[in-house]
Amino acid sequence: MGTVRHYKNDGSAVDETGLFGYSKGARSIFLDSDTGNATFGIQGNGQILIKPDSGTITGGNYKEPEKNDKGEITKAGSGMKIDLKEPSIRFGSENFYVTKEGNLYAQNNGQIAGWKIGEVALTKGKVGMSSDNETEKGNENKAFWAGAGASTKNDAPFSVDFNGNVVMLHAQIGKNNENDVIIDKGRIYTENLQVKENGKIKTYNHGSYDDNTPGFYVGPRGISLGEWFKVNNEGELIAQKGYIGNTTNGFLINKNAICSKGKEEGSGKGNNPAKNGNVGIRLTKSYISLGPNA
């Protein structure tokens, strides 16, 4: 312990008082009694600097990067700085730092619990997310995807692009009850539905076009609602009730007949079961009724 005159690189001299340690003629330890600063290690060989007044621990090679007026790095920095007062952790290169608010910034390559850090993406196996919204090969780039690697994310069975379009091959809305909606091997976009071969959207208990249970099916064979409404892929319609035209002057689909309003049912009397005294028309498999007396 004592006072040592130290010469800087510019030739100027400064007297330093404190505890000194040397290894092979090179200073390896210095505890400054005036400031409380501490230096461990030989300069240029993994040196550590501790400065209580600023609350920092830095590497001997720590340098902040040089930047232009736009804040762009013109010359890379080096080393690492830990600020215990702020607190923060920062690489001189600025490829990694943690702010006093706890925000983490990491650039280029690296991993977080197996997640690979890329310049614009975070990936792990066949799952990933990206901040790159540039169009790729005629397709909107993916913001999120699952089921494919980063190089084949446009073919992933599930993905969301930057326009909000969702691609999925199978999904279930609900949890195994009769009101669930199941999307099977189809694509749902923001404004329209495109169904792949064998794709369908259905409620949980209405699994096919031929089902007569409550619920619905939309798929390659057509549309099916409950028991009495179906439209197949050739345009054939099956309906028990409804209107052709409007609800005021249109024709009614009434069980096994088509009729105008007021001719929903025949009287069932005599030899003419269609007669009911109302003006209009009624067509069935068995007869045609026109006007009030027929």
Protein backbone atom coordinates (compact mmCIF):
# COMPACT_ATOMS: atom_id res chain seq x y z
CA MET A 1 0.00 0.00 0.00
CA GLY A 2 1.29 3.44 -0.84
CA THR A 3 1.50 6.09 -3.57
CA VAL A 4 2.62 5.33 -7.10
CA ARG A 5 3.17 7.78 -9.91
CA HIS A 6 1.39 6.45 -12.99
CA TYR A 7 2.13 7.64 -16.50
CA LYS A 8 -0.73 7.73 -18.99
CA ASN A 9 -0.51 7.01 -22.71
CA ASP A 10 -0.26 10.73 -23.47
CA GLY A 11 2.83 11.03 -21.27
CA SER A 12 1.13 12.88 -18.43
CA ALA A 13 1.70 11.66 -14.85
CA VAL A 14 -0.76 11.14 -12.02
CA ASP A 15 -0.13 10.04 -8.45
CA GLU A 16 -2.29 7.15 -7.28
CA THR A 17 -2.72 6.13 -3.64
CA GLY A 18 -4.07 2.82 -2.50
CA LEU A 19 -3.42 -0.90 -2.51
CA PHE A 20 -1.38 -2.29 -5.41
CA GLY A 21 -0.64 -5.79 -6.62
CA TYR A 22 1.75 -6.88 -9.35
CA SER A 23 2.28 -10.05 -11.36
CA LYS A 24 5.45 -10.49 -13.38
CA GLY A 25 6.07 -6.75 -13.24
CA ALA A 26 2.59 -5.79 -14.47
CA ARG A 27 -0.02 -4.23 -12.22
CA SER A 28 -2.86 -6.71 -11.66
CA ILE A 29 -4.69 -5.15 -8.67
CA PHE A 30 -5.33 -1.54 -7.71
CA LEU A 31 -7.74 -0.39 -4.98
CA ASP A 32 -7.90 3.42 -5.09
CA SER A 33 -8.11 4.81 -1.53
CA ASP A 34 -9.30 8.24 -2.77
CA THR A 35 -12.24 7.14 -4.94
CA GLY A 36 -12.88 3.53 -3.91
CA ASN A 37 -12.43 2.46 -7.53
CA ALA A 38 -10.96 -0.99 -8.10
CA THR A 39 -9.10 -2.52 -11.03
CA PHE A 40 -8.57 -6.27 -11.31
CA GLY A 41 -6.51 -7.94 -13.99
CA ILE A 42 -3.82 -6.84 -16.39
CA GLN A 43 -4.80 -4.24 -18.97
CA GLY A 44 -5.76 -5.80 -22.30
CA ASN A 45 -6.13 -9.24 -20.74
CA GLY A 46 -9.64 -9.55 -19.30
CA GLN A 47 -9.41 -6.53 -17.00
CA ILE A 48 -12.39 -5.57 -14.77
CA LEU A 49 -13.04 -2.01 -13.58
CA ILE A 50 -15.32 -1.23 -10.61
CA LYS A 51 -16.36 2.39 -9.99
CA PRO A 52 -18.53 2.90 -6.86
CA ASP A 53 -19.16 6.59 -7.60
CA SER A 54 -20.98 5.74 -10.85
CA GLY A 55 -22.07 2.27 -9.71
CA THR A 56 -20.61 0.56 -12.77
CA ILE A 57 -18.64 -2.58 -13.54
CA THR A 58 -17.00 -2.58 -16.95
CA GLY A 59 -14.55 -4.61 -18.95
CA GLY A 60 -11.19 -3.01 -19.52
CA ASN A 61 -11.92 -2.98 -23.25
CA TYR A 62 -15.35 -1.35 -22.94
CA LYS A 63 -15.99 1.32 -25.55
CA GLU A 64 -19.32 2.78 -26.61
CA PRO A 65 -20.00 2.80 -30.36
CA GLU A 66 -19.52 5.97 -32.39
CA LYS A 67 -22.70 7.29 -34.01
CA ASN A 68 -23.63 9.93 -36.60
CA ASP A 69 -26.30 12.63 -36.25
CA LYS A 70 -29.00 10.10 -37.21
CA GLY A 71 -28.02 7.78 -34.40
CA GLU A 72 -26.56 5.23 -36.80
CA ILE A 73 -23.46 3.34 -35.64
CA THR A 74 -20.41 4.35 -37.66
CA LYS A 75 -17.84 2.49 -35.55
CA ALA A 76 -18.66 -0.52 -33.40
CA GLY A 77 -17.97 -0.47 -29.69
CA SER A 78 -16.61 -3.32 -27.60
CA GLY A 79 -16.72 -4.94 -24.16
CA MET A 80 -19.55 -4.86 -21.61
CA LYS A 81 -20.83 -2.48 -18.98
CA ILE A 82 -23.03 -3.28 -15.96
CA ASP A 83 -24.64 -0.26 -14.30
CA LEU A 84 -25.72 -1.14 -10.75
CA LYS A 85 -27.16 2.29 -10.02
CA GLU A 86 -29.43 2.68 -13.07
CA PRO A 87 -29.53 -0.47 -13.38
CA SER A 88 -28.73 -1.73 -16.88
CA ILE A 89 -26.52 -4.13 -18.82
CA ARG A 90 -25.05 -3.12 -22.17
CA PHE A 91 -22.64 -4.51 -24.75
CA GLY A 92 -20.40 -1.92 -26.39
CA SER A 93 -21.53 -3.29 -29.74
CA GLU A 94 -25.18 -2.64 -28.69
CA ASN A 95 -26.07 -6.11 -29.94
CA PHE A 96 -27.40 -6.82 -26.45
CA TYR A 97 -28.67 -4.64 -23.63
CA VAL A 98 -31.19 -4.59 -20.82
CA THR A 99 -32.67 -1.21 -19.86
CA LYS A 100 -33.55 0.04 -16.38
CA GLU A 101 -37.22 -0.69 -17.23
CA GLY A 102 -36.30 -4.35 -17.75
CA ASN A 103 -36.64 -4.22 -21.54
CA LEU A 104 -34.41 -6.75 -23.28
CA TYR A 105 -32.84 -6.05 -26.67
CA ALA A 106 -30.93 -8.79 -28.51
CA GLN A 107 -29.75 -8.72 -32.12
CA ASN A 108 -28.41 -11.18 -34.65
CA ASN A 109 -27.86 -14.73 -33.45
CA GLY A 110 -28.45 -16.29 -30.06
CA GLN A 111 -30.92 -18.38 -28.11
CA ILE A 112 -33.41 -17.92 -25.28
CA ALA A 113 -34.37 -21.30 -23.76
CA GLY A 114 -33.95 -22.92 -27.18
CA TRP A 115 -35.61 -20.10 -29.13
CA LYS A 116 -33.27 -18.86 -31.87
CA ILE A 117 -32.89 -15.09 -32.12
CA GLY A 118 -32.60 -13.85 -35.70
CA GLU A 119 -32.36 -10.36 -37.11
CA VAL A 120 -36.15 -10.18 -37.71
CA ALA A 121 -37.45 -13.48 -36.35
CA LEU A 122 -37.70 -15.63 -33.23
CA THR A 123 -37.96 -19.35 -34.02
CA LYS A 124 -37.88 -22.73 -32.33
CA GLY A 125 -38.29 -25.94 -34.30
CA LYS A 126 -41.44 -25.57 -36.40
CA VAL A 127 -42.79 -22.48 -34.61
CA GLY A 128 -41.86 -18.87 -35.22
CA MET A 129 -42.75 -15.20 -35.31
CA SER A 130 -41.35 -12.48 -37.54
CA SER A 131 -41.33 -8.68 -37.75
CA ASP A 132 -40.52 -8.72 -41.48
CA ASN A 133 -43.67 -7.65 -43.33
CA GLU A 134 -42.10 -7.58 -46.79
CA THR A 135 -43.94 -9.60 -49.46
CA GLU A 136 -42.23 -12.91 -50.30
CA LYS A 137 -42.68 -14.68 -53.66
CA GLY A 138 -46.16 -13.26 -54.22
CA ASN A 139 -47.31 -14.19 -50.70
CA GLU A 140 -47.71 -11.93 -47.73
CA ASN A 141 -44.96 -12.71 -45.26
CA LYS A 142 -45.99 -14.50 -42.07
CA ALA A 143 -46.14 -12.83 -38.68
CA PHE A 144 -46.79 -16.13 -36.85
CA TRP A 145 -46.62 -19.74 -38.01
CA ALA A 146 -46.61 -23.30 -36.65
CA GLY A 147 -45.92 -26.67 -38.22
CA ALA A 148 -43.08 -25.65 -40.55
CA GLY A 149 -39.54 -24.35 -40.36
CA ALA A 150 -38.63 -20.74 -41.13
CA SER A 151 -37.64 -21.57 -44.73
CA THR A 152 -41.02 -23.21 -45.48
CA LYS A 153 -43.31 -21.06 -43.30
CA ASN A 154 -45.55 -20.20 -46.28
CA ASP A 155 -46.56 -23.89 -46.34
CA ALA A 156 -47.23 -24.10 -42.59
CA PRO A 157 -50.59 -25.66 -41.60
CA PHE A 158 -51.19 -22.65 -39.35
CA SER A 159 -50.09 -19.08 -40.02
CA VAL A 160 -51.14 -15.44 -39.70
CA ASP A 161 -49.84 -12.83 -42.15
CA PHE A 162 -49.52 -9.07 -41.70
CA ASN A 163 -52.92 -8.41 -43.30
CA GLY A 164 -54.63 -10.51 -40.63
CA ASN A 165 -55.28 -13.47 -42.95
CA VAL A 166 -55.35 -16.77 -41.07
CA VAL A 167 -54.47 -20.13 -42.64
CA MET A 168 -55.36 -23.27 -40.69
CA LEU A 169 -56.00 -26.90 -41.63
CA HIS A 170 -58.00 -27.83 -38.56
CA ALA A 171 -59.53 -25.90 -35.68
CA GLN A 172 -62.24 -26.38 -33.10
CA ILE A 173 -64.08 -23.48 -31.49
CA GLY A 174 -65.33 -24.79 -28.16
CA LYS A 175 -64.55 -27.93 -26.19
CA ASN A 176 -66.25 -31.11 -27.40
CA ASN A 177 -69.89 -30.14 -27.09
CA GLU A 178 -72.76 -29.96 -29.55
CA ASN A 179 -72.37 -26.20 -30.12
CA ASP A 180 -68.71 -26.38 -31.15
CA VAL A 181 -67.66 -25.25 -34.63
CA ILE A 182 -64.96 -27.35 -36.31
CA ILE A 183 -62.88 -26.19 -39.27
CA ASP A 184 -61.28 -29.15 -40.97
CA LYS A 185 -58.58 -28.85 -43.64
CA GLY A 186 -59.83 -25.47 -44.85
CA ARG A 187 -58.64 -21.89 -45.06
CA ILE A 188 -60.29 -18.89 -43.43
CA TYR A 189 -59.36 -15.45 -44.70
CA THR A 190 -60.44 -12.04 -43.45
CA GLU A 191 -63.18 -11.53 -46.06
CA ASN A 192 -63.87 -14.88 -47.71
CA LEU A 193 -63.79 -18.63 -47.18
CA GLN A 194 -61.78 -20.98 -49.40
CA VAL A 195 -62.15 -24.69 -48.68
CA LYS A 196 -59.53 -27.20 -49.85
CA GLU A 197 -60.41 -30.68 -51.08
CA ASN A 198 -62.10 -32.63 -48.28
CA GLY A 199 -62.28 -29.41 -46.25
CA LYS A 200 -65.33 -28.49 -44.23
CA ILE A 201 -66.69 -26.25 -41.52
CA LYS A 202 -69.20 -27.89 -39.23
CA THR A 203 -70.69 -27.94 -35.78
CA TYR A 204 -69.45 -30.67 -33.47
CA ASN A 205 -72.45 -33.01 -33.83
CA HIS A 206 -73.23 -32.32 -37.51
CA GLY A 207 -70.26 -34.04 -39.10
CA SER A 208 -71.36 -34.48 -42.71
CA TYR A 209 -73.75 -33.28 -45.40
CA ASP A 210 -76.07 -36.25 -44.74
CA ASP A 211 -76.42 -35.67 -40.97
CA ASN A 212 -79.93 -34.77 -39.79
CA THR A 213 -78.91 -33.62 -36.31
CA PRO A 214 -79.13 -29.97 -35.17
CA GLY A 215 -76.19 -27.92 -36.43
CA PHE A 216 -74.60 -27.11 -39.77
CA TYR A 217 -72.07 -28.35 -42.33
CA VAL A 218 -70.33 -26.40 -45.12
CA GLY A 219 -68.06 -28.42 -47.34
CA PRO A 220 -67.36 -29.80 -50.83
CA ARG A 221 -70.72 -31.66 -50.94
CA GLY A 222 -72.73 -28.54 -50.19
CA ILE A 223 -74.51 -26.90 -47.24
CA SER A 224 -76.56 -28.73 -44.63
CA LEU A 225 -78.58 -27.10 -41.80
CA GLY A 226 -80.31 -29.39 -39.35
CA GLU A 227 -82.67 -32.00 -40.85
CA TRP A 228 -84.68 -30.12 -43.45
CA PHE A 229 -82.40 -27.73 -45.33
CA LYS A 230 -79.71 -28.87 -47.73
CA VAL A 231 -78.10 -27.52 -50.90
CA ASN A 232 -75.75 -29.92 -52.66
CA ASN A 233 -72.78 -29.03 -54.85
CA GLU A 234 -74.98 -29.26 -57.97
CA GLY A 235 -77.39 -26.63 -56.69
CA GLU A 236 -80.21 -28.99 -55.68
CA LEU A 237 -82.24 -27.61 -52.77
CA ILE A 238 -84.07 -29.55 -50.06
CA ALA A 239 -86.16 -27.41 -47.69
CA GLN A 240 -89.22 -28.09 -45.48
CA LYS A 241 -90.10 -24.47 -44.84
CA GLY A 242 -89.27 -21.11 -46.36
CA TYR A 243 -90.16 -18.62 -49.06
CA ILE A 244 -89.50 -18.31 -52.79
CA GLY A 245 -89.53 -14.56 -53.36
CA ASN A 246 -90.50 -12.47 -50.34
CA THR A 247 -92.49 -13.13 -47.18
CA THR A 248 -95.45 -10.97 -48.35
CA ASN A 249 -96.22 -12.03 -51.92
CA GLY A 250 -93.82 -14.90 -52.46
CA PHE A 251 -94.49 -18.63 -52.56
CA LEU A 252 -94.20 -20.67 -49.41
CA ILE A 253 -92.35 -23.94 -49.07
CA ASN A 254 -94.81 -25.73 -46.82
CA LYS A 255 -93.72 -29.27 -45.91
CA ASN A 256 -94.40 -31.27 -49.11
CA ALA A 257 -96.10 -28.45 -51.03
CA ILE A 258 -95.45 -25.09 -52.68
CA CYS A 259 -98.27 -22.60 -52.20
CA SER A 260 -99.23 -18.95 -52.05
CA LYS A 261 -100.07 -17.32 -48.75
CA GLY A 262 -103.49 -18.45 -47.48
CA LYS A 263 -103.30 -21.83 -49.21
CA GLU A 264 -100.98 -23.41 -46.64
CA GLU A 265 -103.46 -26.22 -45.84
CA GLY A 266 -106.39 -27.86 -47.63
CA SER A 267 -109.73 -28.50 -45.85
CA GLY A 268 -109.46 -32.24 -46.27
CA LYS A 269 -113.24 -32.47 -46.92
CA GLY A 270 -115.04 -34.37 -49.68
CA ASN A 271 -113.33 -35.39 -52.86
CA ASN A 272 -111.14 -32.26 -52.95
CA PRO A 273 -108.71 -32.17 -50.04
CA ALA A 274 -107.10 -28.99 -51.43
CA LYS A 275 -110.20 -26.81 -51.15
CA ASN A 276 -110.05 -24.33 -48.27
CA GLY A 277 -111.95 -21.27 -49.56
CA ASN A 278 -108.89 -19.00 -49.99
CA VAL A 279 -107.61 -17.40 -53.18
CA GLY A 280 -104.23 -18.66 -54.34
CA ILE A 281 -102.38 -21.72 -55.58
CA ARG A 282 -101.15 -24.90 -53.94
CA LEU A 283 -99.03 -27.59 -55.61
CA THR A 284 -98.37 -31.02 -54.13
CA LYS A 285 -97.46 -34.45 -55.45
CA SER A 286 -101.17 -35.36 -55.47
CA TYR A 287 -103.03 -32.26 -56.69
CA ILE A 288 -103.05 -28.64 -57.82
CA SER A 289 -105.43 -26.15 -56.14
CA LEU A 290 -106.29 -22.81 -57.85
CA GLY A 291 -108.58 -20.21 -56.28
CA PRO A 292 -111.13 -20.50 -53.46
CA ASN A 293 -113.27 -23.23 -55.00
CA ALA A 294 -110.59 -25.62 -56.11
